[in-house]
Amino acid sequence: MNKVKRNVVGFLLAAVALVAAGCGTANEQAASGVPDKDDNITVYTSFYPLQYVAERIGGDLVEVKNIVPTGVEPHDFEPTAKDIVDITNADLFVYNGSGFEAWAEKAIEGLDQAKITVVKATDGLELLPAGEEHGEEHEETHEHGTEDHGHGEFDPHVWLDPTLLKAEAEKVKDALVARDQANSQVYEQNYQQLAADLDKLDGEFQQMANGATHKEFLVAHSAFGYLAHRYGLTQIAVSGISPSDEPSPAELKALVDLVKEHQIGYVLFETLASPKVAEVIAREANIQTATLNPLEGLTKEEAEAGKDYLSIMRDNMETLRTVLQ
């Protein structure tokens, strides 16, 4: 985390301490660590996929609030002092970890974990190194977007592999059960339904990948390593782990040459970041553009249309079906 971000988080934590000093009565109500039976459990999540998971598992028994607003790219998001104070009044705080939310890693240091259950959803998962291109059928590593970019040594985008999102969801389920044992059966049933939906999605992706003519796809942002690794594909990334990273002119030229060498017909950009670099690649290499959604958050249009993790992942699957012909 750079100096500016450390200062911002430090200021927010100081603000939390000041506000908390004036909110003792409210906090004392949760002192036992068990929610009032008449109230829903309040769950704060750090970004959209975890919000989706918590809503599916908790159902009507929980109130889920996502810290990152709809339409905001979460990589460089910084919470307000109010956001941090709100988290201190939650029953559960769920974040991805592994370098994805630098602010969350720091913020939890100021939380009373005797009152607030903190779930780091990537704990115990087998993580891929940051900045590498992954695919079972390709040993070559392309040198585009391989710098660390301040997001840690591991790629945090685990939710784009449905089986890994299922593993994250299980941690959320376990936390809810521990917090509210009276409703453990409801949480377990909801989790099992979600797990079945994710298993079905996984099977559909595997079938699509098995039928693909090509196994490589070019993306503007190195977010799809877990998806590629799961289904025997290879992502070639224009930028690194953060979508704000841009390649140098020399790297752009190398990418254009790579596109021609591998007969790649599309460059894929995402929903919450600028398509500028992808459009340059498309123009220089005379290829088409399409959207591959990293599901780091919903756009306002997606939210209004009722889109969710499953529907957007199936949109991604159809895009890849076309791109990999």
C-alpha atoms as a PDB file:
ATOM      1  CA  MET A   1       0.000   0.000   0.000  1.00  0.00           C
ATOM      2  CA  ASN A   2       1.498   3.389  -0.925  1.00  0.00           C
ATOM      3  CA  LYS A   3       2.025   6.227   1.551  1.00  0.00           C
ATOM      4  CA  VAL A   4      -1.077   8.139   0.467  1.00  0.00           C
ATOM      5  CA  LYS A   5      -3.326   5.103   0.987  1.00  0.00           C
ATOM      6  CA  ARG A   6      -1.742   4.401   4.385  1.00  0.00           C
ATOM      7  CA  ASN A   7      -2.474   7.968   5.429  1.00  0.00           C
ATOM      8  CA  VAL A   8      -6.065   7.740   4.205  1.00  0.00           C
ATOM      9  CA  VAL A   9      -6.732   4.506   6.072  1.00  0.00           C
ATOM     10  CA  GLY A  10      -5.011   5.879   9.166  1.00  0.00           C
ATOM     11  CA  PHE A  11      -7.291   8.913   9.095  1.00  0.00           C
ATOM     12  CA  LEU A  12     -10.345   6.700   8.714  1.00  0.00           C
ATOM     13  CA  LEU A  13      -9.353   4.523  11.636  1.00  0.00           C
ATOM     14  CA  ALA A  14      -8.850   7.629  13.773  1.00  0.00           C
ATOM     15  CA  ALA A  15     -12.327   8.778  12.767  1.00  0.00           C
ATOM     16  CA  VAL A  16     -13.722   5.393  13.735  1.00  0.00           C
ATOM     17  CA  ALA A  17     -12.219   5.718  17.199  1.00  0.00           C
ATOM     18  CA  LEU A  18     -13.770   9.142  17.705  1.00  0.00           C
ATOM     19  CA  VAL A  19     -17.209   8.061  16.526  1.00  0.00           C
ATOM     20  CA  ALA A  20     -17.081   4.813  18.472  1.00  0.00           C
ATOM     21  CA  ALA A  21     -16.362   6.775  21.652  1.00  0.00           C
ATOM     22  CA  GLY A  22     -19.741   8.418  21.253  1.00  0.00           C
ATOM     23  CA  CYS A  23     -21.596   5.250  20.355  1.00  0.00           C
ATOM     24  CA  GLY A  24     -20.912   3.104  23.383  1.00  0.00           C
ATOM     25  CA  THR A  25     -24.567   2.411  24.098  1.00  0.00           C
ATOM     26  CA  ALA A  26     -25.245   1.049  20.621  1.00  0.00           C
ATOM     27  CA  ASN A  27     -22.132  -1.089  20.676  1.00  0.00           C
ATOM     28  CA  GLU A  28     -22.908  -2.486  24.122  1.00  0.00           C
ATOM     29  CA  GLN A  29     -26.076  -4.072  22.711  1.00  0.00           C
ATOM     30  CA  ALA A  30     -23.877  -6.404  20.643  1.00  0.00           C
ATOM     31  CA  ALA A  31     -21.411  -7.100  23.448  1.00  0.00           C
ATOM     32  CA  SER A  32     -22.353 -10.765  23.700  1.00  0.00           C
ATOM     33  CA  GLY A  33     -21.324 -11.359  20.070  1.00  0.00           C
ATOM     34  CA  VAL A  34     -24.787 -12.839  19.356  1.00  0.00           C
ATOM     35  CA  PRO A  35     -27.347 -10.845  17.318  1.00  0.00           C
ATOM     36  CA  ASP A  36     -30.706  -9.903  18.829  1.00  0.00           C
ATOM     37  CA  LYS A  37     -33.190 -12.592  17.812  1.00  0.00           C
ATOM     38  CA  ASP A  38     -35.638  -9.898  16.680  1.00  0.00           C
ATOM     39  CA  ASP A  39     -33.115  -8.327  14.288  1.00  0.00           C
ATOM     40  CA  ASN A  40     -31.588  -9.517  11.043  1.00  0.00           C
ATOM     41  CA  ILE A  41     -27.868 -10.168  11.036  1.00  0.00           C
ATOM     42  CA  THR A  42     -26.058  -7.267   9.409  1.00  0.00           C
ATOM     43  CA  VAL A  43     -23.394  -8.341   6.918  1.00  0.00           C
ATOM     44  CA  TYR A  44     -21.016  -5.911   5.224  1.00  0.00           C
ATOM     45  CA  THR A  45     -19.157  -7.146   2.154  1.00  0.00           C
ATOM     46  CA  SER A  46     -16.197  -5.621   0.367  1.00  0.00           C
ATOM     47  CA  PHE A  47     -17.362  -6.142  -3.223  1.00  0.00           C
ATOM     48  CA  TYR A  48     -20.143  -7.620  -5.363  1.00  0.00           C
ATOM     49  CA  PRO A  49     -19.431 -11.415  -5.579  1.00  0.00           C
ATOM     50  CA  LEU A  50     -19.315 -11.649  -1.784  1.00  0.00           C
ATOM     51  CA  GLN A  51     -22.517  -9.614  -1.555  1.00  0.00           C
ATOM     52  CA  TYR A  52     -24.162 -12.110  -3.911  1.00  0.00           C
ATOM     53  CA  VAL A  53     -22.939 -15.066  -1.841  1.00  0.00           C
ATOM     54  CA  ALA A  54     -24.074 -13.554   1.460  1.00  0.00           C
ATOM     55  CA  GLU A  55     -27.519 -12.716   0.076  1.00  0.00           C
ATOM     56  CA  ARG A  56     -28.006 -16.200  -1.342  1.00  0.00           C
ATOM     57  CA  ILE A  57     -26.987 -17.928   1.894  1.00  0.00           C
ATOM     58  CA  GLY A  58     -28.531 -15.538   4.382  1.00  0.00           C
ATOM     59  CA  GLY A  59     -31.824 -14.969   2.587  1.00  0.00           C
ATOM     60  CA  ASP A  60     -34.394 -13.094   4.675  1.00  0.00           C
ATOM     61  CA  LEU A  61     -32.382 -13.612   7.840  1.00  0.00           C
ATOM     62  CA  VAL A  62     -29.636 -11.166   6.922  1.00  0.00           C
ATOM     63  CA  GLU A  63     -29.261  -7.598   5.746  1.00  0.00           C
ATOM     64  CA  VAL A  64     -26.353  -7.402   3.328  1.00  0.00           C
ATOM     65  CA  LYS A  65     -24.652  -4.107   2.551  1.00  0.00           C
ATOM     66  CA  ASN A  66     -21.862  -3.776   0.020  1.00  0.00           C
ATOM     67  CA  ILE A  67     -19.215  -1.133   0.739  1.00  0.00           C
ATOM     68  CA  VAL A  68     -18.268  -0.415  -2.901  1.00  0.00           C
ATOM     69  CA  PRO A  69     -21.106   1.496  -4.635  1.00  0.00           C
ATOM     70  CA  THR A  70     -22.699   0.168  -7.810  1.00  0.00           C
ATOM     71  CA  GLY A  71     -20.743   1.261 -10.878  1.00  0.00           C
ATOM     72  CA  VAL A  72     -17.460   1.851  -9.023  1.00  0.00           C
ATOM     73  CA  GLU A  73     -14.293  -0.070  -9.925  1.00  0.00           C
ATOM     74  CA  PRO A  74     -13.122  -1.683  -6.641  1.00  0.00           C
ATOM     75  CA  HIS A  75      -9.347  -2.086  -7.128  1.00  0.00           C
ATOM     76  CA  ASP A  76      -8.486   1.441  -6.033  1.00  0.00           C
ATOM     77  CA  PHE A  77     -11.630   2.157  -4.010  1.00  0.00           C
ATOM     78  CA  GLU A  78     -11.120   3.955  -0.702  1.00  0.00           C
ATOM     79  CA  PRO A  79     -13.917   3.902   1.906  1.00  0.00           C
ATOM     80  CA  THR A  80     -15.172   7.012   3.671  1.00  0.00           C
ATOM     81  CA  ALA A  81     -14.998   7.446   7.414  1.00  0.00           C
ATOM     82  CA  LYS A  82     -18.723   6.653   7.525  1.00  0.00           C
ATOM     83  CA  ASP A  83     -18.128   3.387   5.654  1.00  0.00           C
ATOM     84  CA  ILE A  84     -15.592   2.277   8.253  1.00  0.00           C
ATOM     85  CA  VAL A  85     -17.860   3.300  11.123  1.00  0.00           C
ATOM     86  CA  ASP A  86     -20.720   1.330   9.545  1.00  0.00           C
ATOM     87  CA  ILE A  87     -18.524  -1.773   9.423  1.00  0.00           C
ATOM     88  CA  THR A  88     -17.851  -1.436  13.164  1.00  0.00           C
ATOM     89  CA  ASN A  89     -21.606  -1.813  13.743  1.00  0.00           C
ATOM     90  CA  ALA A  90     -21.918  -4.956  11.617  1.00  0.00           C
ATOM     91  CA  ASP A  91     -22.298  -8.527  12.835  1.00  0.00           C
ATOM     92  CA  LEU A  92     -20.174  -9.918   9.973  1.00  0.00           C
ATOM     93  CA  PHE A  93     -17.607  -8.305   7.704  1.00  0.00           C
ATOM     94  CA  VAL A  94     -16.676 -10.402   4.665  1.00  0.00           C
ATOM     95  CA  TYR A  95     -13.781  -9.492   2.386  1.00  0.00           C
ATOM     96  CA  ASN A  96     -11.849 -11.301  -0.319  1.00  0.00           C
ATOM     97  CA  GLY A  97      -8.285 -10.647   0.829  1.00  0.00           C
ATOM     98  CA  SER A  98      -5.074 -11.712  -0.936  1.00  0.00           C
ATOM     99  CA  GLY A  99      -4.321  -8.110  -1.848  1.00  0.00           C
ATOM    100  CA  PHE A 100      -7.620  -7.219  -3.510  1.00  0.00           C
ATOM    101  CA  GLU A 101      -8.866  -4.687  -0.946  1.00  0.00           C
ATOM    102  CA  ALA A 102      -5.881  -2.940   0.623  1.00  0.00           C
ATOM    103  CA  TRP A 103      -8.213  -0.792   2.726  1.00  0.00           C
ATOM    104  CA  ALA A 104      -9.956  -3.844   4.230  1.00  0.00           C
ATOM    105  CA  GLU A 105      -6.712  -5.468   5.370  1.00  0.00           C
ATOM    106  CA  LYS A 106      -5.926  -2.312   7.335  1.00  0.00           C
ATOM    107  CA  ALA A 107      -9.455  -1.572   8.534  1.00  0.00           C
ATOM    108  CA  ILE A 108      -9.905  -4.913  10.294  1.00  0.00           C
ATOM    109  CA  GLU A 109      -7.048  -3.989  12.607  1.00  0.00           C
ATOM    110  CA  GLY A 110      -9.428  -1.475  14.198  1.00  0.00           C
ATOM    111  CA  LEU A 111     -12.367  -3.866  14.569  1.00  0.00           C
ATOM    112  CA  ASP A 112     -13.360  -5.565  17.806  1.00  0.00           C
ATOM    113  CA  GLN A 113     -13.416  -9.148  16.597  1.00  0.00           C
ATOM    114  CA  ALA A 114     -15.048 -10.251  19.839  1.00  0.00           C
ATOM    115  CA  LYS A 115     -18.161  -8.478  18.519  1.00  0.00           C
ATOM    116  CA  ILE A 116     -17.709  -8.571  14.754  1.00  0.00           C
ATOM    117  CA  THR A 117     -17.053 -11.798  12.863  1.00  0.00           C
ATOM    118  CA  VAL A 118     -14.459 -11.147  10.163  1.00  0.00           C
ATOM    119  CA  VAL A 119     -14.328 -13.539   7.203  1.00  0.00           C
ATOM    120  CA  LYS A 120     -11.341 -13.484   4.857  1.00  0.00           C
ATOM    121  CA  ALA A 121     -12.844 -15.464   2.018  1.00  0.00           C
ATOM    122  CA  THR A 122      -9.593 -16.550   0.351  1.00  0.00           C
ATOM    123  CA  ASP A 123      -8.139 -18.100   3.518  1.00  0.00           C
ATOM    124  CA  GLY A 124      -6.970 -21.625   2.793  1.00  0.00           C
ATOM    125  CA  LEU A 125      -7.482 -21.426  -0.974  1.00  0.00           C
ATOM    126  CA  GLU A 126      -4.728 -22.422  -3.399  1.00  0.00           C
ATOM    127  CA  LEU A 127      -3.826 -19.103  -5.019  1.00  0.00           C
ATOM    128  CA  LEU A 128      -2.123 -18.407  -8.335  1.00  0.00           C
ATOM    129  CA  PRO A 129       0.882 -16.069  -8.557  1.00  0.00           C
ATOM    130  CA  ALA A 130       0.036 -12.532  -9.637  1.00  0.00           C
ATOM    131  CA  GLY A 131       0.769 -11.470 -13.175  1.00  0.00           C
ATOM    132  CA  GLU A 132       1.223 -14.904 -14.735  1.00  0.00           C
ATOM    133  CA  GLU A 133      -0.761 -16.341 -17.615  1.00  0.00           C
ATOM    134  CA  HIS A 134      -2.332 -19.691 -16.761  1.00  0.00           C
ATOM    135  CA  GLY A 135      -3.469 -22.614 -18.846  1.00  0.00           C
ATOM    136  CA  GLU A 136      -3.000 -26.341 -18.627  1.00  0.00           C
ATOM    137  CA  GLU A 137      -2.034 -26.751 -22.263  1.00  0.00           C
ATOM    138  CA  HIS A 138       0.515 -23.914 -22.519  1.00  0.00           C
ATOM    139  CA  GLU A 139       3.899 -23.665 -20.842  1.00  0.00           C
ATOM    140  CA  GLU A 140       4.806 -20.302 -22.380  1.00  0.00           C
ATOM    141  CA  THR A 141       4.461 -17.303 -20.055  1.00  0.00           C
ATOM    142  CA  HIS A 142       3.845 -14.001 -21.814  1.00  0.00           C
ATOM    143  CA  GLU A 143       5.625 -11.058 -20.244  1.00  0.00           C
ATOM    144  CA  HIS A 144       2.745  -8.595 -20.437  1.00  0.00           C
ATOM    145  CA  GLY A 145       1.365  -7.271 -17.171  1.00  0.00           C
ATOM    146  CA  THR A 146       3.703  -9.292 -14.950  1.00  0.00           C
ATOM    147  CA  GLU A 147       4.575  -6.538 -12.471  1.00  0.00           C
ATOM    148  CA  ASP A 148       3.232  -6.639  -8.935  1.00  0.00           C
ATOM    149  CA  HIS A 149       1.401  -3.270  -9.151  1.00  0.00           C
ATOM    150  CA  GLY A 150       0.969  -3.179  -5.372  1.00  0.00           C
ATOM    151  CA  HIS A 151      -1.658  -5.928  -5.224  1.00  0.00           C
ATOM    152  CA  GLY A 152       0.553  -8.543  -3.569  1.00  0.00           C
ATOM    153  CA  GLU A 153       2.207 -11.693  -4.830  1.00  0.00           C
ATOM    154  CA  PHE A 154      -1.027 -13.581  -5.509  1.00  0.00           C
ATOM    155  CA  ASP A 155      -3.833 -13.108  -8.012  1.00  0.00           C
ATOM    156  CA  PRO A 156      -6.960 -12.342  -5.938  1.00  0.00           C
ATOM    157  CA  HIS A 157      -9.604 -12.923  -8.668  1.00  0.00           C
ATOM    158  CA  VAL A 158     -10.641 -16.355  -7.379  1.00  0.00           C
ATOM    159  CA  TRP A 159     -14.400 -15.808  -7.831  1.00  0.00           C
ATOM    160  CA  LEU A 160     -14.105 -16.226 -11.619  1.00  0.00           C
ATOM    161  CA  ASP A 161     -13.643 -19.947 -10.984  1.00  0.00           C
ATOM    162  CA  PRO A 162     -17.109 -21.057  -9.774  1.00  0.00           C
ATOM    163  CA  THR A 163     -15.596 -23.854  -7.691  1.00  0.00           C
ATOM    164  CA  LEU A 164     -13.484 -21.349  -5.771  1.00  0.00           C
ATOM    165  CA  LEU A 165     -16.429 -19.022  -5.234  1.00  0.00           C
ATOM    166  CA  LYS A 166     -18.192 -22.059  -3.772  1.00  0.00           C
ATOM    167  CA  ALA A 167     -15.290 -22.464  -1.340  1.00  0.00           C
ATOM    168  CA  GLU A 168     -15.556 -18.792  -0.383  1.00  0.00           C
ATOM    169  CA  ALA A 169     -19.308 -19.200   0.060  1.00  0.00           C
ATOM    170  CA  GLU A 170     -18.781 -22.075   2.467  1.00  0.00           C
ATOM    171  CA  LYS A 171     -16.756 -19.780   4.731  1.00  0.00           C
ATOM    172  CA  VAL A 172     -19.616 -17.280   4.739  1.00  0.00           C
ATOM    173  CA  LYS A 173     -22.087 -20.048   5.547  1.00  0.00           C
ATOM    174  CA  ASP A 174     -19.944 -21.314   8.412  1.00  0.00           C
ATOM    175  CA  ALA A 175     -19.681 -17.793   9.845  1.00  0.00           C
ATOM    176  CA  LEU A 176     -23.449 -17.311   9.715  1.00  0.00           C
ATOM    177  CA  VAL A 177     -24.052 -20.670  11.354  1.00  0.00           C
ATOM    178  CA  ALA A 178     -21.601 -19.830  14.149  1.00  0.00           C
ATOM    179  CA  ARG A 179     -23.262 -16.461  14.632  1.00  0.00           C
ATOM    180  CA  ASP A 180     -26.865 -17.683  14.500  1.00  0.00           C
ATOM    181  CA  GLN A 181     -27.034 -21.378  15.314  1.00  0.00           C
ATOM    182  CA  ALA A 182     -30.820 -21.288  15.684  1.00  0.00           C
ATOM    183  CA  ASN A 183     -31.084 -20.851  11.913  1.00  0.00           C
ATOM    184  CA  SER A 184     -28.203 -23.102  10.923  1.00  0.00           C
ATOM    185  CA  GLN A 185     -30.428 -25.405   8.877  1.00  0.00           C
ATOM    186  CA  VAL A 186     -31.676 -22.508   6.752  1.00  0.00           C
ATOM    187  CA  TYR A 187     -28.124 -21.340   6.035  1.00  0.00           C
ATOM    188  CA  GLU A 188     -27.027 -24.874   5.211  1.00  0.00           C
ATOM    189  CA  GLN A 189     -29.933 -25.427   2.810  1.00  0.00           C
ATOM    190  CA  ASN A 190     -29.352 -22.090   1.092  1.00  0.00           C
ATOM    191  CA  TYR A 191     -25.661 -22.840   0.746  1.00  0.00           C
ATOM    192  CA  GLN A 192     -26.342 -26.252  -0.766  1.00  0.00           C
ATOM    193  CA  GLN A 193     -28.614 -24.675  -3.394  1.00  0.00           C
ATOM    194  CA  LEU A 194     -25.978 -22.080  -4.219  1.00  0.00           C
ATOM    195  CA  ALA A 195     -23.317 -24.803  -4.402  1.00  0.00           C
ATOM    196  CA  ALA A 196     -25.496 -26.784  -6.829  1.00  0.00           C
ATOM    197  CA  ASP A 197     -25.935 -23.702  -9.025  1.00  0.00           C
ATOM    198  CA  LEU A 198     -22.179 -23.098  -9.059  1.00  0.00           C
ATOM    199  CA  ASP A 199     -21.467 -26.755  -9.862  1.00  0.00           C
ATOM    200  CA  LYS A 200     -23.883 -26.553 -12.781  1.00  0.00           C
ATOM    201  CA  LEU A 201     -22.188 -23.379 -14.033  1.00  0.00           C
ATOM    202  CA  ASP A 202     -18.805 -25.082 -13.716  1.00  0.00           C
ATOM    203  CA  GLY A 203     -20.014 -27.977 -15.858  1.00  0.00           C
ATOM    204  CA  GLU A 204     -21.326 -25.618 -18.530  1.00  0.00           C
ATOM    205  CA  PHE A 205     -17.990 -23.780 -18.698  1.00  0.00           C
ATOM    206  CA  GLN A 206     -16.113 -27.071 -18.925  1.00  0.00           C
ATOM    207  CA  GLN A 207     -18.298 -28.197 -21.821  1.00  0.00           C
ATOM    208  CA  MET A 208     -17.753 -24.885 -23.616  1.00  0.00           C
ATOM    209  CA  ALA A 209     -13.973 -25.060 -23.143  1.00  0.00           C
ATOM    210  CA  ASN A 210     -13.807 -28.672 -24.298  1.00  0.00           C
ATOM    211  CA  GLY A 211     -15.419 -27.678 -27.570  1.00  0.00           C
ATOM    212  CA  ALA A 212     -13.226 -24.619 -28.175  1.00  0.00           C
ATOM    213  CA  THR A 213     -11.095 -24.560 -31.312  1.00  0.00           C
ATOM    214  CA  HIS A 214      -8.626 -22.087 -29.801  1.00  0.00           C
ATOM    215  CA  LYS A 215      -7.455 -22.024 -26.186  1.00  0.00           C
ATOM    216  CA  GLU A 216      -6.044 -18.495 -25.921  1.00  0.00           C
ATOM    217  CA  PHE A 217      -7.931 -15.259 -25.344  1.00  0.00           C
ATOM    218  CA  LEU A 218      -6.662 -11.684 -25.147  1.00  0.00           C
ATOM    219  CA  VAL A 219      -7.964  -9.511 -22.293  1.00  0.00           C
ATOM    220  CA  ALA A 220      -7.380  -5.910 -21.316  1.00  0.00           C
ATOM    221  CA  HIS A 221      -7.020  -6.774 -17.607  1.00  0.00           C
ATOM    222  CA  SER A 222      -5.299  -9.789 -16.063  1.00  0.00           C
ATOM    223  CA  ALA A 223      -8.358 -10.894 -14.094  1.00  0.00           C
ATOM    224  CA  PHE A 224      -9.132 -14.256 -15.683  1.00  0.00           C
ATOM    225  CA  GLY A 225      -6.233 -16.447 -14.577  1.00  0.00           C
ATOM    226  CA  TYR A 226      -8.395 -18.669 -12.380  1.00  0.00           C
ATOM    227  CA  LEU A 227     -11.019 -19.108 -15.079  1.00  0.00           C
ATOM    228  CA  ALA A 228      -8.293 -20.000 -17.589  1.00  0.00           C
ATOM    229  CA  HIS A 229      -6.588 -22.361 -15.158  1.00  0.00           C
ATOM    230  CA  ARG A 230      -9.825 -24.176 -14.336  1.00  0.00           C
ATOM    231  CA  TYR A 231     -10.811 -24.802 -17.949  1.00  0.00           C
ATOM    232  CA  GLY A 232      -7.460 -25.402 -19.650  1.00  0.00           C
ATOM    233  CA  LEU A 233      -7.357 -21.993 -21.344  1.00  0.00           C
ATOM    234  CA  THR A 234      -4.709 -19.265 -21.493  1.00  0.00           C
ATOM    235  CA  GLN A 235      -5.364 -15.578 -20.949  1.00  0.00           C
ATOM    236  CA  ILE A 236      -3.002 -13.124 -22.607  1.00  0.00           C
ATOM    237  CA  ALA A 237      -3.302  -9.847 -20.699  1.00  0.00           C
ATOM    238  CA  VAL A 238      -2.697  -6.320 -21.942  1.00  0.00           C
ATOM    239  CA  SER A 239      -2.346  -4.981 -18.383  1.00  0.00           C
ATOM    240  CA  GLY A 240      -1.550  -6.368 -14.952  1.00  0.00           C
ATOM    241  CA  ILE A 241      -3.701  -7.225 -11.964  1.00  0.00           C
ATOM    242  CA  SER A 242      -5.142  -3.696 -11.795  1.00  0.00           C
ATOM    243  CA  PRO A 243      -7.185  -2.484 -14.788  1.00  0.00           C
ATOM    244  CA  SER A 244      -5.578   0.961 -14.492  1.00  0.00           C
ATOM    245  CA  ASP A 245      -2.175  -0.442 -15.535  1.00  0.00           C
ATOM    246  CA  GLU A 246      -1.268   0.387 -19.117  1.00  0.00           C
ATOM    247  CA  PRO A 247       1.387  -1.233 -21.324  1.00  0.00           C
ATOM    248  CA  SER A 248       4.286   0.711 -22.774  1.00  0.00           C
ATOM    249  CA  PRO A 249       4.483   1.385 -26.545  1.00  0.00           C
ATOM    250  CA  ALA A 250       6.970  -1.485 -26.877  1.00  0.00           C
ATOM    251  CA  GLU A 251       4.590  -3.829 -25.055  1.00  0.00           C
ATOM    252  CA  LEU A 252       1.718  -2.718 -27.280  1.00  0.00           C
ATOM    253  CA  LYS A 253       3.754  -3.551 -30.367  1.00  0.00           C
ATOM    254  CA  ALA A 254       4.650  -6.959 -28.915  1.00  0.00           C
ATOM    255  CA  LEU A 255       0.993  -7.631 -28.195  1.00  0.00           C
ATOM    256  CA  VAL A 256      -0.003  -6.772 -31.752  1.00  0.00           C
ATOM    257  CA  ASP A 257       2.657  -9.169 -33.037  1.00  0.00           C
ATOM    258  CA  LEU A 258       1.386 -11.831 -30.621  1.00  0.00           C
ATOM    259  CA  VAL A 259      -2.184 -11.367 -31.851  1.00  0.00           C
ATOM    260  CA  LYS A 260      -1.067 -11.972 -35.416  1.00  0.00           C
ATOM    261  CA  GLU A 261       1.144 -14.930 -34.470  1.00  0.00           C
ATOM    262  CA  HIS A 262      -1.648 -16.736 -32.604  1.00  0.00           C
ATOM    263  CA  GLN A 263      -4.406 -15.654 -34.999  1.00  0.00           C
ATOM    264  CA  ILE A 264      -6.424 -14.069 -32.198  1.00  0.00           C
ATOM    265  CA  GLY A 265      -9.603 -12.447 -33.493  1.00  0.00           C
ATOM    266  CA  TYR A 266     -10.778 -10.455 -30.447  1.00  0.00           C
ATOM    267  CA  VAL A 267      -9.495  -8.284 -27.635  1.00  0.00           C
ATOM    268  CA  LEU A 268     -11.755  -8.331 -24.595  1.00  0.00           C
ATOM    269  CA  PHE A 269     -12.358  -5.319 -22.378  1.00  0.00           C
ATOM    270  CA  GLU A 270     -14.400  -5.044 -19.189  1.00  0.00           C
ATOM    271  CA  THR A 271     -17.383  -3.122 -17.878  1.00  0.00           C
ATOM    272  CA  LEU A 272     -16.005  -0.855 -15.133  1.00  0.00           C
ATOM    273  CA  ALA A 273     -12.737   0.236 -16.749  1.00  0.00           C
ATOM    274  CA  SER A 274     -11.860   2.289 -19.828  1.00  0.00           C
ATOM    275  CA  PRO A 275     -11.756   0.334 -23.131  1.00  0.00           C
ATOM    276  CA  LYS A 276      -9.145   2.739 -24.545  1.00  0.00           C
ATOM    277  CA  VAL A 277      -6.174   0.367 -24.603  1.00  0.00           C
ATOM    278  CA  ALA A 278      -8.242  -2.526 -25.945  1.00  0.00           C
ATOM    279  CA  GLU A 279      -9.518  -0.286 -28.734  1.00  0.00           C
ATOM    280  CA  VAL A 280      -5.939   0.671 -29.659  1.00  0.00           C
ATOM    281  CA  ILE A 281      -4.966  -3.012 -29.843  1.00  0.00           C
ATOM    282  CA  ALA A 282      -8.031  -3.790 -31.949  1.00  0.00           C
ATOM    283  CA  ARG A 283      -7.262  -0.988 -34.377  1.00  0.00           C
ATOM    284  CA  GLU A 284      -3.565  -1.774 -34.695  1.00  0.00           C
ATOM    285  CA  ALA A 285      -4.092  -5.541 -35.058  1.00  0.00           C
ATOM    286  CA  ASN A 286      -7.290  -5.241 -37.126  1.00  0.00           C
ATOM    287  CA  ILE A 287      -9.315  -7.421 -34.764  1.00  0.00           C
ATOM    288  CA  GLN A 288     -12.684  -7.085 -33.030  1.00  0.00           C
ATOM    289  CA  THR A 289     -13.589  -6.086 -29.488  1.00  0.00           C
ATOM    290  CA  ALA A 290     -15.999  -7.739 -27.051  1.00  0.00           C
ATOM    291  CA  THR A 291     -16.777  -7.557 -23.332  1.00  0.00           C
ATOM    292  CA  LEU A 292     -15.610 -10.089 -20.739  1.00  0.00           C
ATOM    293  CA  ASN A 293     -16.888  -9.127 -17.309  1.00  0.00           C
ATOM    294  CA  PRO A 294     -14.542  -9.690 -14.327  1.00  0.00           C
ATOM    295  CA  LEU A 295     -17.534  -9.350 -11.986  1.00  0.00           C
ATOM    296  CA  GLU A 296     -15.762  -7.027  -9.598  1.00  0.00           C
ATOM    297  CA  GLY A 297     -18.966  -5.019  -9.401  1.00  0.00           C
ATOM    298  CA  LEU A 298     -22.238  -4.424 -11.204  1.00  0.00           C
ATOM    299  CA  THR A 299     -22.817  -1.461 -13.464  1.00  0.00           C
ATOM    300  CA  LYS A 300     -25.946   0.554 -12.775  1.00  0.00           C
ATOM    301  CA  GLU A 301     -27.473  -0.883 -15.948  1.00  0.00           C
ATOM    302  CA  GLU A 302     -26.754  -4.458 -14.853  1.00  0.00           C
ATOM    303  CA  ALA A 303     -28.232  -3.835 -11.416  1.00  0.00           C
ATOM    304  CA  GLU A 304     -31.371  -2.272 -12.895  1.00  0.00           C
ATOM    305  CA  ALA A 305     -31.745  -5.210 -15.289  1.00  0.00           C
ATOM    306  CA  GLY A 306     -31.605  -7.714 -12.424  1.00  0.00           C
ATOM    307  CA  LYS A 307     -28.306  -9.257 -13.530  1.00  0.00           C
ATOM    308  CA  ASP A 308     -26.401 -11.355 -11.005  1.00  0.00           C
ATOM    309  CA  TYR A 309     -23.281 -13.495 -10.740  1.00  0.00           C
ATOM    310  CA  LEU A 310     -24.781 -16.500 -12.523  1.00  0.00           C
ATOM    311  CA  SER A 311     -26.316 -14.582 -15.426  1.00  0.00           C
ATOM    312  CA  ILE A 312     -23.193 -12.498 -16.025  1.00  0.00           C
ATOM    313  CA  MET A 313     -20.935 -15.545 -15.884  1.00  0.00           C
ATOM    314  CA  ARG A 314     -23.142 -17.191 -18.491  1.00  0.00           C
ATOM    315  CA  ASP A 315     -22.804 -14.043 -20.616  1.00  0.00           C
ATOM    316  CA  ASN A 316     -19.035 -14.441 -20.239  1.00  0.00           C
ATOM    317  CA  MET A 317     -19.308 -18.068 -21.300  1.00  0.00           C
ATOM    318  CA  GLU A 318     -21.131 -17.140 -24.497  1.00  0.00           C
ATOM    319  CA  THR A 319     -18.551 -14.453 -25.244  1.00  0.00           C
ATOM    320  CA  LEU A 320     -15.746 -16.992 -24.848  1.00  0.00           C
ATOM    321  CA  ARG A 321     -17.631 -19.508 -26.967  1.00  0.00           C
ATOM    322  CA  THR A 322     -17.536 -16.954 -29.805  1.00  0.00           C
ATOM    323  CA  VAL A 323     -13.978 -15.774 -29.183  1.00  0.00           C
ATOM    324  CA  LEU A 324     -12.513 -19.281 -28.996  1.00  0.00           C
ATOM    325  CA  GLN A 325     -14.087 -20.573 -32.250  1.00  0.00           C
END
